[in-house]
Amino acid sequence: AQSKSRKVGHLLSHWAQTNVLDDLGDVFHFVTMTSAHLVKLMSLKLVESMLLK
């Protein structure tokens, strides 16, 4: 019984680690996409204001 619960615990910790890594990857991807989009918008606004002057 002891080894079985230990195996389950190991599987759970492994699953948690891989899932956390996947989630971090998704979050990182979302953040980079969003910041890149924001930078694009900011530079467009800058160009517009420069052209309008």
C-alpha atoms as a PDB file:
ATOM      1  CA  ALA A   1       0.000   0.000   0.000  1.00  0.00           C
ATOM      2  CA  GLN A   2       2.883   2.317   0.829  1.00  0.00           C
ATOM      3  CA  SER A   3       4.579   1.999  -2.557  1.00  0.00           C
ATOM      4  CA  LYS A   4       1.271   2.473  -4.387  1.00  0.00           C
ATOM      5  CA  SER A   5       0.496   5.780  -2.656  1.00  0.00           C
ATOM      6  CA  ARG A   6       4.080   6.879  -3.241  1.00  0.00           C
ATOM      7  CA  LYS A   7       3.716   6.071  -6.960  1.00  0.00           C
ATOM      8  CA  VAL A   8       0.455   8.050  -7.110  1.00  0.00           C
ATOM      9  CA  GLY A   9       2.131  10.963  -5.350  1.00  0.00           C
ATOM     10  CA  HIS A  10       5.009  10.835  -7.817  1.00  0.00           C
ATOM     11  CA  LEU A  11       2.608  10.792 -10.769  1.00  0.00           C
ATOM     12  CA  LEU A  12       0.656  13.716  -9.316  1.00  0.00           C
ATOM     13  CA  SER A  13       3.773  15.808  -8.724  1.00  0.00           C
ATOM     14  CA  HIS A  14       5.041  15.003 -12.235  1.00  0.00           C
ATOM     15  CA  TRP A  15       1.661  15.916 -13.751  1.00  0.00           C
ATOM     16  CA  ALA A  16       1.554  19.148 -11.729  1.00  0.00           C
ATOM     17  CA  GLN A  17       5.053  20.111 -12.881  1.00  0.00           C
ATOM     18  CA  THR A  18       4.358  19.475 -16.575  1.00  0.00           C
ATOM     19  CA  ASN A  19       0.992  21.231 -16.411  1.00  0.00           C
ATOM     20  CA  VAL A  20       2.498  24.233 -14.649  1.00  0.00           C
ATOM     21  CA  LEU A  21       5.174  24.402 -17.340  1.00  0.00           C
ATOM     22  CA  ASP A  22       2.518  24.242 -20.056  1.00  0.00           C
ATOM     23  CA  ASP A  23       0.489  26.977 -18.346  1.00  0.00           C
ATOM     24  CA  LEU A  24       3.613  29.132 -17.966  1.00  0.00           C
ATOM     25  CA  GLY A  25       4.298  28.633 -21.664  1.00  0.00           C
ATOM     26  CA  ASP A  26       0.762  29.726 -22.531  1.00  0.00           C
ATOM     27  CA  VAL A  27       0.992  32.753 -20.246  1.00  0.00           C
ATOM     28  CA  PHE A  28       4.396  33.705 -21.653  1.00  0.00           C
ATOM     29  CA  HIS A  29       3.084  33.357 -25.217  1.00  0.00           C
ATOM     30  CA  PHE A  30       0.037  35.485 -24.371  1.00  0.00           C
ATOM     31  CA  VAL A  31       2.180  38.170 -22.715  1.00  0.00           C
ATOM     32  CA  THR A  32       4.633  38.358 -25.600  1.00  0.00           C
ATOM     33  CA  MET A  33       1.819  38.505 -28.163  1.00  0.00           C
ATOM     34  CA  THR A  34       0.010  41.211 -26.187  1.00  0.00           C
ATOM     35  CA  SER A  35       3.124  43.318 -25.610  1.00  0.00           C
ATOM     36  CA  ALA A  36       4.125  43.011 -29.266  1.00  0.00           C
ATOM     37  CA  HIS A  37       0.611  44.145 -30.228  1.00  0.00           C
ATOM     38  CA  LEU A  38       0.812  47.064 -27.801  1.00  0.00           C
ATOM     39  CA  VAL A  39       4.226  48.100 -29.127  1.00  0.00           C
ATOM     40  CA  LYS A  40       2.839  48.010 -32.669  1.00  0.00           C
ATOM     41  CA  LEU A  41      -0.119  50.191 -31.651  1.00  0.00           C
ATOM     42  CA  MET A  42       2.149  52.652 -29.819  1.00  0.00           C
ATOM     43  CA  SER A  43       4.522  52.988 -32.767  1.00  0.00           C
ATOM     44  CA  LEU A  44       1.574  53.474 -35.136  1.00  0.00           C
ATOM     45  CA  LYS A  45       0.233  56.249 -32.910  1.00  0.00           C
ATOM     46  CA  LEU A  46       3.698  57.838 -32.797  1.00  0.00           C
ATOM     47  CA  VAL A  47       4.008  57.721 -36.575  1.00  0.00           C
ATOM     48  CA  GLU A  48       0.516  59.177 -36.967  1.00  0.00           C
ATOM     49  CA  SER A  49       1.247  62.053 -34.599  1.00  0.00           C
ATOM     50  CA  MET A  50       4.532  62.762 -36.367  1.00  0.00           C
ATOM     51  CA  LEU A  51       2.829  62.772 -39.767  1.00  0.00           C
ATOM     52  CA  LEU A  52       0.017  65.001 -38.553  1.00  0.00           C
ATOM     53  CA  LYS A  53       2.427  67.662 -37.236  1.00  0.00           C
END
